[in-house]
Every structure is written in C-alpha cells, then in structure tokens.
Amino acid sequence: MAQAYLELKNVTKEFTSEFQTDKVVAVQDFSLKIDQGEFITLLGPSGCGKTTTLRMIGGFEDVTSGEIYLDGVKINDLLANKRETCMVFQSYALFPHMNIYKNVAYGLELKGLPKKEIQEKVEKILRLVGLEGLGKRPTSQLSGGQQQRVALARAMVIEPKVLLFDEPLSNLDAKLRVKMRVFIRKLQQELGMTSIYVTHDQEEAMSLSDRIVVMNHGRIEQVGSPMEIYARPQSLFVADFIGKQTNFLEGIVQEISDQDVAIDIGKKVVFVKSINTLSKGDQVTFVIRPEMIELSQEQGLLEGIVQMVTYLGSEVVYEVLSSNHLFTVQVSNPLKHGIYHTGDQVFLNFDLENLPLIKS
C-alpha cells in the first residue's frame, strides 16, 4: 500500500484549563491520510478543533498524543520553521514597513538564496498571483484582495511541501471572497501544491476541495468529496450542517424483504430498496434537500398547505406544512413553473430511492 504524503495517526490535543484543574480535549483521535497535490478542507462549526488540527500540522501547537508524518518523516518534534509547511493566516500577517517585493522575498532571503534566484522566483510568483510590476508598492496601499494575494505569494514562493490556510478569506466582502476562492483553487491546481484549508463556510469548502473533512467536537464526522458529503451524509450532524434548511423526515422500519424495506412515515408507508444494515423496528431519517422536492397540485407522496413564499428572482423558497411537519422547498426558474401562494393546497413529491437514509 502506497505511503500517504501527509498522515495524521490518532492525533489528540488536550488543553489544561486556567486553574490547572480540568483538561479540555480540542482534538480527539484524529486520523487522516492526504495524497500529494490534494486540496483538503477541514470544515465545521466554531470550536470543533479544525484550527487546532491545522496548527498541530504546522508546528504551532504541540501534539498531546498521536503522530504526524510528512513525506515519510515524523514531524511531531520539529519546530514550525523546520517542517517545510507554510501558513497563510486570516490576518495576512504582512510586514507593513516592507513593500510587496520585500514581503514576498523574505522567506527566500532567510534561506540564504542568491539575489538573482530570489528575484527570479519573486517575479514569477507575482506574475502568477496577478501582481506583476507592483513589487515596489507599499502594502499599506493595497486593497484586501491584493493583500491576500501577497500573503499567498509569500507562502507559495518558498515552495513548501504543505500549504496551510487558516480561514484566509474571512476578512473580505462576500463578492471578493467568491473571486478569491476561485483564484486560490486555480493557483493550487496549477502549482500542484498539497493544501489544507480551514473554514466554517460550507460553500467555500464545497467549491475548493478535493475532499472535505467534517469535524464536530474534536472528532471526524465524515471524510469525502464535496458530492459525497452533500449527497450521502453519514450522520444527522453532517446532513444538517451541510446545505441550507435541510428537511428531515423520520420513520420506522415496518417490514423487510429481499426486494424492499417498508417504512412508516406517519400517515403513509413508503418503500425503498432493501438495505442490509436495517432491521424491523429501526428508527430512520430521510434527508431531503429543499431542491429535491417537487410541488404539484395534482398528486404526490405528501399533502400540504403553503405557509410562506419567498421570491428570490431565480428561485422561490416555500415553507409547506404537511402533517405538522414544515418542509422547506426550493424551486428554480419560477417563471416557468408558476408561483404558489400562501394558503394553496399542494402535494410534495421526492425520489425516495435517491434520498440519503440515516439510521437514527
């Protein structure tokens, strides 16, 4: 079996409280293998341990237990500046008394590279990040997006084995964040640089990542591609955290045959293909994304009444009450389908065979 380029084995981080009486477990039994050139995102709510994990990889936090290997070498005890990793911070951490060129060249100068080689490398990376010809400009005269590009250039120019991102776009406005994440992804793919990115923004994670690591309370909930995480969540936490206004429909397994499973969802029994992990009497939950529901005035799986209508131009978001359960429904291209109104009686349809089904 091929060796992972970066591997964390059962990594745990404990912090001692201010009064030395209690221990807080920030990261617990974290194991992950990362291939060279992969873009991995650590995603989760505040306090879930994602930044602590990143800082342990970079050498800014000690590991309480477990091991971290980079390119086959154990790096637990190496200082941050000896690990061949580089961090892009949320605050950019640029040197305000230096111009763009000096900021980018700083790491190369510390390595003692010849001036000509430094110049060639700096000019090349400034060209790649779209700052060509601006080397003499003071960093104080730069916009937020330009400062972020300088921070990226400074990290990438030293060609680290792993590039670490600690929520680098959180200080930018919404439109610039979208632009910069596209830029970061293109640049990372062009350079083939192994990258680990921390964010609590699921849209950011989905658009950037080869794989997403969803974390909760210091543990890994699920690892997978953006599509796997969204379409096949393995826990109710992942299903709820990923996506907007996820609908949950609970049921109880009534009967199981070789062909299908009968599930009682309240006023109705529905059938799905046989699942060998289920038993009679199990409580299960269907995960229904708002865009997976179709509305009709003719017939459907469930009957409901429209409670609220939110028109957003390219889509309409409905809240539909069905058997004391409020469903959020997202309908694209409303001008084509027509718009329902508050109080309208509608039917809800969704493809049961393609819905994630989680054992509660």
Protein backbone atom coordinates (compact mmCIF):
# COMPACT_ATOMS: atom_id res chain seq x y z
CA MET A 1 0.00 0.00 0.00
CA ALA A 2 1.42 3.38 -1.04
CA GLN A 3 2.50 5.68 1.75
CA ALA A 4 0.44 8.83 2.28
CA TYR A 5 2.23 12.12 1.63
CA LEU A 6 0.84 13.61 4.84
CA GLU A 7 -0.63 11.40 7.54
CA LEU A 8 -2.11 12.05 10.96
CA LYS A 9 -2.35 8.96 13.17
CA ASN A 10 -4.66 9.06 16.20
CA VAL A 11 -3.75 12.68 16.92
CA THR A 12 -5.16 14.14 20.13
CA LYS A 13 -4.76 17.60 21.60
CA GLU A 14 -5.63 18.45 25.21
CA PHE A 15 -5.52 21.91 26.76
CA THR A 16 -5.28 22.45 30.52
CA SER A 17 -7.72 24.95 32.00
CA GLU A 18 -6.57 28.25 33.51
CA PHE A 19 -6.64 26.85 37.05
CA GLN A 20 -4.92 23.58 36.09
CA THR A 21 -7.93 21.58 37.29
CA ASP A 22 -9.57 20.35 34.09
CA LYS A 23 -8.41 19.19 30.69
CA VAL A 24 -10.22 20.26 27.54
CA VAL A 25 -9.96 17.86 24.60
CA ALA A 26 -9.84 20.02 21.47
CA VAL A 27 -8.99 17.23 19.00
CA GLN A 28 -9.55 13.55 19.70
CA ASP A 29 -8.19 10.50 17.87
CA PHE A 30 -7.87 12.30 14.53
CA SER A 31 -6.60 10.04 11.72
CA LEU A 32 -6.30 11.12 8.09
CA LYS A 33 -4.20 10.30 5.01
CA ILE A 34 -3.59 13.02 2.43
CA ASP A 35 -2.11 12.49 -1.04
CA GLN A 36 0.44 14.79 -2.62
CA GLY A 37 -1.26 17.62 -4.51
CA GLU A 38 -4.62 17.19 -2.75
CA PHE A 39 -6.70 20.10 -1.54
CA ILE A 40 -8.26 19.13 1.79
CA THR A 41 -10.67 21.33 3.74
CA LEU A 42 -11.34 21.00 7.46
CA LEU A 43 -14.94 22.12 7.89
CA GLY A 44 -17.06 22.50 10.98
CA PRO A 45 -18.62 24.91 13.48
CA SER A 46 -16.59 27.16 15.76
CA GLY A 47 -14.78 25.20 18.46
CA CYS A 48 -14.81 21.88 16.60
CA GLY A 49 -10.99 21.59 16.54
CA LYS A 50 -10.24 22.37 12.91
CA THR A 51 -7.84 25.28 13.54
CA THR A 52 -6.10 23.37 16.34
CA THR A 53 -5.57 20.47 13.92
CA LEU A 54 -4.10 22.84 11.33
CA ARG A 55 -1.79 24.41 13.92
CA MET A 56 -0.55 20.98 15.02
CA ILE A 57 0.37 20.16 11.42
CA GLY A 58 2.19 23.49 11.11
CA GLY A 59 4.03 23.11 14.43
CA PHE A 60 2.28 25.98 16.22
CA GLU A 61 0.65 23.60 18.72
CA ASP A 62 2.20 20.53 20.37
CA VAL A 63 0.57 17.14 19.89
CA THR A 64 -0.63 15.58 23.15
CA SER A 65 -0.62 12.09 21.64
CA GLY A 66 -0.51 10.55 18.18
CA GLU A 67 1.84 11.04 15.25
CA ILE A 68 2.14 13.29 12.20
CA TYR A 69 4.17 12.18 9.18
CA LEU A 70 5.17 14.33 6.21
CA ASP A 71 6.70 12.58 3.21
CA GLY A 72 7.55 9.59 5.41
CA VAL A 73 9.20 11.62 8.18
CA LYS A 74 7.70 12.02 11.65
CA ILE A 75 7.46 15.76 12.33
CA ASN A 76 5.88 15.89 15.82
CA ASP A 77 9.02 17.27 17.46
CA LEU A 78 10.18 19.54 14.64
CA LEU A 79 9.91 23.30 15.08
CA ALA A 80 7.50 25.13 12.77
CA ASN A 81 10.32 26.57 10.65
CA LYS A 82 11.79 23.10 10.09
CA ARG A 83 8.63 21.36 8.86
CA GLU A 84 8.51 22.50 5.22
CA THR A 85 4.98 23.76 5.76
CA CYS A 86 3.76 27.35 5.47
CA MET A 87 0.69 29.05 6.94
CA VAL A 88 -1.50 31.67 5.27
CA PHE A 89 -3.11 33.49 8.20
CA GLN A 90 -6.53 35.08 8.49
CA SER A 91 -4.89 38.44 9.26
CA TYR A 92 -2.45 38.18 6.28
CA ALA A 93 0.44 39.00 8.71
CA LEU A 94 2.27 41.17 6.16
CA PHE A 95 5.22 43.32 7.17
CA PRO A 96 3.83 46.89 6.98
CA HIS A 97 7.28 48.51 6.66
CA MET A 98 8.13 46.44 3.58
CA ASN A 99 6.87 46.72 0.02
CA ILE A 100 5.32 43.81 -1.89
CA TYR A 101 8.64 42.54 -3.25
CA LYS A 102 10.32 42.53 0.17
CA ASN A 103 7.36 40.76 1.80
CA VAL A 104 7.42 38.01 -0.81
CA ALA A 105 11.21 37.70 -0.83
CA TYR A 106 11.53 37.50 2.96
CA GLY A 107 11.35 33.72 3.28
CA LEU A 108 13.80 33.18 0.43
CA GLU A 109 16.28 35.61 2.00
CA LEU A 110 16.07 33.67 5.28
CA LYS A 111 17.06 30.58 3.33
CA GLY A 112 20.12 32.41 2.06
CA LEU A 113 19.35 32.06 -1.66
CA PRO A 114 21.36 34.15 -4.15
CA LYS A 115 19.82 37.53 -5.03
CA LYS A 116 19.36 36.61 -8.69
CA GLU A 117 17.48 33.41 -7.82
CA ILE A 118 15.33 35.31 -5.32
CA GLN A 119 14.46 37.89 -7.94
CA GLU A 120 13.50 35.22 -10.49
CA LYS A 121 11.29 33.37 -8.01
CA VAL A 122 9.59 36.52 -6.71
CA GLU A 123 8.88 37.87 -10.18
CA LYS A 124 7.46 34.51 -11.25
CA ILE A 125 5.10 34.20 -8.27
CA LEU A 126 3.97 37.83 -8.54
CA ARG A 127 3.09 37.14 -12.15
CA LEU A 128 1.10 34.06 -11.12
CA VAL A 129 -0.90 35.96 -8.47
CA GLY A 130 -1.60 38.91 -10.76
CA LEU A 131 0.70 41.44 -9.09
CA GLU A 132 3.33 41.72 -11.79
CA GLY A 133 5.04 45.11 -11.86
CA LEU A 134 3.75 46.10 -8.40
CA GLY A 135 6.72 44.91 -6.36
CA LYS A 136 7.69 48.40 -5.13
CA ARG A 137 4.20 49.27 -3.90
CA PRO A 138 3.85 49.55 -0.07
CA THR A 139 1.49 47.01 1.45
CA SER A 140 -0.36 49.86 3.19
CA GLN A 141 -1.66 50.98 -0.22
CA LEU A 142 -3.19 47.62 -1.11
CA SER A 143 -6.82 46.51 -1.08
CA GLY A 144 -7.88 43.49 0.97
CA GLY A 145 -7.79 41.25 -2.10
CA GLN A 146 -4.31 42.45 -3.06
CA GLN A 147 -3.03 41.90 0.49
CA GLN A 148 -4.40 38.36 0.36
CA ARG A 149 -2.53 37.75 -2.91
CA VAL A 150 0.70 38.99 -1.36
CA ALA A 151 0.19 36.63 1.57
CA LEU A 152 -0.38 33.77 -0.88
CA ALA A 153 2.68 34.69 -2.91
CA ARG A 154 4.87 34.87 0.20
CA ALA A 155 3.73 31.41 1.29
CA MET A 156 3.97 29.76 -2.12
CA VAL A 157 7.29 31.23 -3.23
CA ILE A 158 9.25 29.14 -0.71
CA GLU A 159 7.67 26.02 -2.24
CA PRO A 160 6.55 24.31 1.00
CA LYS A 161 5.58 20.67 0.94
CA VAL A 162 2.23 21.59 2.51
CA LEU A 163 0.40 24.91 2.36
CA LEU A 164 -1.87 25.65 5.34
CA PHE A 165 -4.79 28.09 5.15
CA ASP A 166 -6.40 29.41 8.36
CA GLU A 167 -9.69 30.98 7.19
CA PRO A 168 -7.78 33.31 4.85
CA LEU A 169 -10.86 34.92 3.24
CA SER A 170 -12.90 35.76 6.33
CA ASN A 171 -11.89 39.46 6.27
CA LEU A 172 -13.06 40.01 2.69
CA ASP A 173 -16.52 41.06 1.49
CA ALA A 174 -18.82 38.41 0.02
CA LYS A 175 -18.19 39.14 -3.67
CA LEU A 176 -14.41 39.27 -3.25
CA ARG A 177 -14.46 36.02 -1.24
CA VAL A 178 -16.04 34.22 -4.19
CA LYS A 179 -13.49 35.71 -6.59
CA MET A 180 -10.54 34.85 -4.33
CA ARG A 181 -11.57 31.25 -3.68
CA VAL A 182 -11.73 30.63 -7.44
CA PHE A 183 -8.30 32.21 -7.73
CA ILE A 184 -6.84 30.10 -4.90
CA ARG A 185 -8.18 26.88 -6.39
CA LYS A 186 -6.81 27.64 -9.87
CA LEU A 187 -3.42 28.60 -8.46
CA GLN A 188 -3.23 25.49 -6.26
CA GLN A 189 -4.08 23.22 -9.18
CA GLU A 190 -1.54 24.95 -11.44
CA LEU A 191 1.25 24.53 -8.87
CA GLY A 192 0.09 21.08 -7.67
CA MET A 193 0.67 22.13 -4.07
CA THR A 194 -0.68 19.98 -1.23
CA SER A 195 -3.06 22.23 0.69
CA ILE A 196 -5.09 22.08 3.90
CA TYR A 197 -7.73 24.75 4.31
CA VAL A 198 -9.76 25.62 7.41
CA THR A 199 -13.18 27.23 7.14
CA HIS A 200 -16.65 27.21 8.68
CA ASP A 201 -18.13 28.30 5.34
CA GLN A 202 -19.58 25.21 3.65
CA GLU A 203 -19.90 26.89 0.25
CA GLU A 204 -16.22 27.76 0.38
CA ALA A 205 -15.37 24.16 1.28
CA MET A 206 -17.54 22.72 -1.49
CA SER A 207 -16.03 24.95 -4.19
CA LEU A 208 -12.37 24.49 -3.21
CA SER A 209 -11.88 20.93 -2.07
CA ASP A 210 -10.89 17.58 -3.47
CA ARG A 211 -12.06 16.17 -0.14
CA ILE A 212 -13.81 17.68 2.87
CA VAL A 213 -13.22 16.61 6.48
CA VAL A 214 -16.33 17.48 8.51
CA MET A 215 -15.45 17.89 12.20
CA ASN A 216 -17.60 18.08 15.33
CA HIS A 217 -16.45 18.27 18.96
CA GLY A 218 -12.85 17.45 18.01
CA ARG A 219 -13.70 14.34 16.03
CA ILE A 220 -14.08 13.49 12.36
CA GLU A 221 -17.73 13.03 11.40
CA GLN A 222 -17.15 12.22 7.72
CA VAL A 223 -14.48 12.46 5.02
CA GLY A 224 -15.42 12.57 1.34
CA SER A 225 -15.65 14.54 -1.88
CA PRO A 226 -17.98 17.57 -1.86
CA MET A 227 -20.57 15.50 -3.74
CA GLU A 228 -20.33 12.60 -1.26
CA ILE A 229 -20.62 14.92 1.72
CA TYR A 230 -23.68 16.67 0.30
CA ALA A 231 -25.50 13.77 -1.37
CA ARG A 232 -24.57 10.94 1.01
CA PRO A 233 -24.16 12.29 4.56
CA GLN A 234 -23.37 9.54 7.04
CA SER A 235 -24.76 11.25 10.14
CA LEU A 236 -27.55 13.65 11.04
CA PHE A 237 -24.95 16.23 12.05
CA VAL A 238 -23.34 16.23 8.58
CA ALA A 239 -26.74 16.27 6.88
CA ASP A 240 -27.83 19.27 8.96
CA PHE A 241 -24.54 21.19 8.81
CA ILE A 242 -24.12 20.86 5.05
CA GLY A 243 -26.72 22.62 2.94
CA LYS A 244 -29.41 25.18 3.67
CA GLN A 245 -32.59 24.33 5.59
CA THR A 246 -32.28 20.56 5.24
CA ASN A 247 -35.54 18.68 5.72
CA PHE A 248 -35.67 15.57 7.88
CA LEU A 249 -38.46 13.01 7.61
CA GLU A 250 -38.48 10.38 10.33
CA GLY A 251 -39.85 6.88 10.00
CA ILE A 252 -39.89 3.39 11.49
CA VAL A 253 -38.97 0.22 9.59
CA GLN A 254 -42.12 -1.94 9.39
CA GLU A 255 -41.12 -4.87 7.19
CA ILE A 256 -38.02 -6.04 5.32
CA SER A 257 -37.92 -8.31 2.29
CA ASP A 258 -35.26 -9.27 -0.25
CA GLN A 259 -36.58 -6.58 -2.59
CA ASP A 260 -37.55 -3.64 -0.42
CA VAL A 261 -38.00 -2.07 3.01
CA ALA A 262 -41.37 -0.74 4.20
CA ILE A 263 -41.02 2.43 6.26
CA ASP A 264 -43.87 4.07 8.19
CA ILE A 265 -43.52 7.86 7.90
CA GLY A 266 -46.68 8.69 9.83
CA LYS A 267 -49.82 8.70 7.75
CA LYS A 268 -48.17 6.74 4.98
CA VAL A 269 -45.96 3.70 4.40
CA VAL A 270 -43.28 4.10 1.75
CA PHE A 271 -40.97 1.56 0.18
CA VAL A 272 -37.26 1.77 -0.63
CA LYS A 273 -34.79 -0.78 -1.95
CA SER A 274 -33.61 -3.36 0.56
CA ILE A 275 -30.80 -2.17 2.86
CA ASN A 276 -28.96 -4.93 4.73
CA THR A 277 -27.99 -2.68 7.66
CA LEU A 278 -31.61 -2.15 8.71
CA SER A 279 -33.79 -4.26 10.98
CA LYS A 280 -37.51 -4.25 11.73
CA GLY A 281 -38.33 -1.56 14.27
CA ASP A 282 -35.31 0.63 13.46
CA GLN A 283 -35.88 4.38 13.55
CA VAL A 284 -34.60 6.05 10.38
CA THR A 285 -34.45 9.54 8.93
CA PHE A 286 -34.75 10.59 5.29
CA VAL A 287 -32.56 13.59 4.40
CA ILE A 288 -34.43 15.77 1.91
CA ARG A 289 -32.68 18.80 0.44
CA PRO A 290 -35.03 21.69 -0.47
CA GLU A 291 -34.23 21.38 -4.19
CA MET A 292 -35.09 17.64 -4.15
CA ILE A 293 -38.80 18.34 -3.60
CA GLU A 294 -41.22 18.97 -6.45
CA LEU A 295 -44.56 20.65 -5.84
CA SER A 296 -47.76 19.74 -7.64
CA GLN A 297 -51.47 20.49 -7.34
CA GLU A 298 -52.43 17.05 -8.67
CA GLN A 299 -50.95 14.23 -6.58
CA GLY A 300 -47.86 13.30 -4.60
CA LEU A 301 -46.37 11.45 -1.66
CA LEU A 302 -47.47 14.04 0.90
CA GLU A 303 -50.18 16.67 1.02
CA GLY A 304 -49.56 20.12 2.47
CA ILE A 305 -50.51 23.79 2.72
CA VAL A 306 -48.19 26.63 1.64
CA GLN A 307 -47.34 28.69 4.73
CA MET A 308 -44.82 31.17 3.32
CA VAL A 309 -43.47 32.24 -0.07
CA THR A 310 -40.10 33.96 -0.57
CA TYR A 311 -39.42 35.15 -4.13
CA LEU A 312 -35.68 35.48 -4.89
CA GLY A 313 -35.76 36.07 -8.63
CA SER A 314 -34.02 32.95 -9.93
CA GLU A 315 -35.83 30.78 -7.39
CA VAL A 316 -38.74 30.68 -4.98
CA VAL A 317 -38.44 29.23 -1.47
CA TYR A 318 -41.63 27.83 0.03
CA GLU A 319 -42.47 26.66 3.52
CA VAL A 320 -45.09 23.92 3.28
CA LEU A 321 -46.85 22.41 6.30
CA SER A 322 -47.62 18.70 5.97
CA SER A 323 -48.83 16.58 8.93
CA ASN A 324 -47.34 19.01 11.47
CA HIS A 325 -44.01 18.93 9.62
CA LEU A 326 -42.71 22.13 7.99
CA PHE A 327 -40.84 21.47 4.74
CA THR A 328 -38.57 23.99 3.02
CA VAL A 329 -38.88 23.69 -0.77
CA GLN A 330 -36.65 25.42 -3.30
CA VAL A 331 -37.97 25.79 -6.85
CA SER A 332 -35.72 27.14 -9.59
CA ASN A 333 -36.93 29.07 -12.64
CA PRO A 334 -40.26 30.09 -11.03
CA LEU A 335 -41.48 31.97 -14.11
CA LYS A 336 -41.61 28.64 -15.95
CA HIS A 337 -43.29 26.63 -13.20
CA GLY A 338 -45.60 29.33 -11.86
CA ILE A 339 -45.75 30.56 -8.28
CA TYR A 340 -47.89 29.16 -5.49
CA HIS A 341 -49.37 31.45 -2.86
CA THR A 342 -49.85 31.29 0.89
CA GLY A 343 -52.78 29.02 1.69
CA ASP A 344 -52.56 26.97 -1.52
CA GLN A 345 -53.01 23.21 -1.16
CA VAL A 346 -50.11 21.35 -2.78
CA PHE A 347 -48.58 17.90 -2.99
CA LEU A 348 -44.92 17.16 -2.30
CA ASN A 349 -43.01 14.66 -4.45
CA PHE A 350 -39.46 13.39 -3.97
CA ASP A 351 -37.49 10.41 -5.21
CA LEU A 352 -37.22 8.13 -2.18
CA GLU A 353 -34.68 5.84 -3.86
CA ASN A 354 -32.15 8.64 -4.18
CA LEU A 355 -32.58 10.21 -0.75
CA PRO A 356 -29.96 9.65 1.94
CA LEU A 357 -31.39 7.39 4.64
CA ILE A 358 -29.74 7.54 8.06
CA LYS A 359 -30.33 5.11 10.89
CA SER A 360 -31.27 7.25 13.89
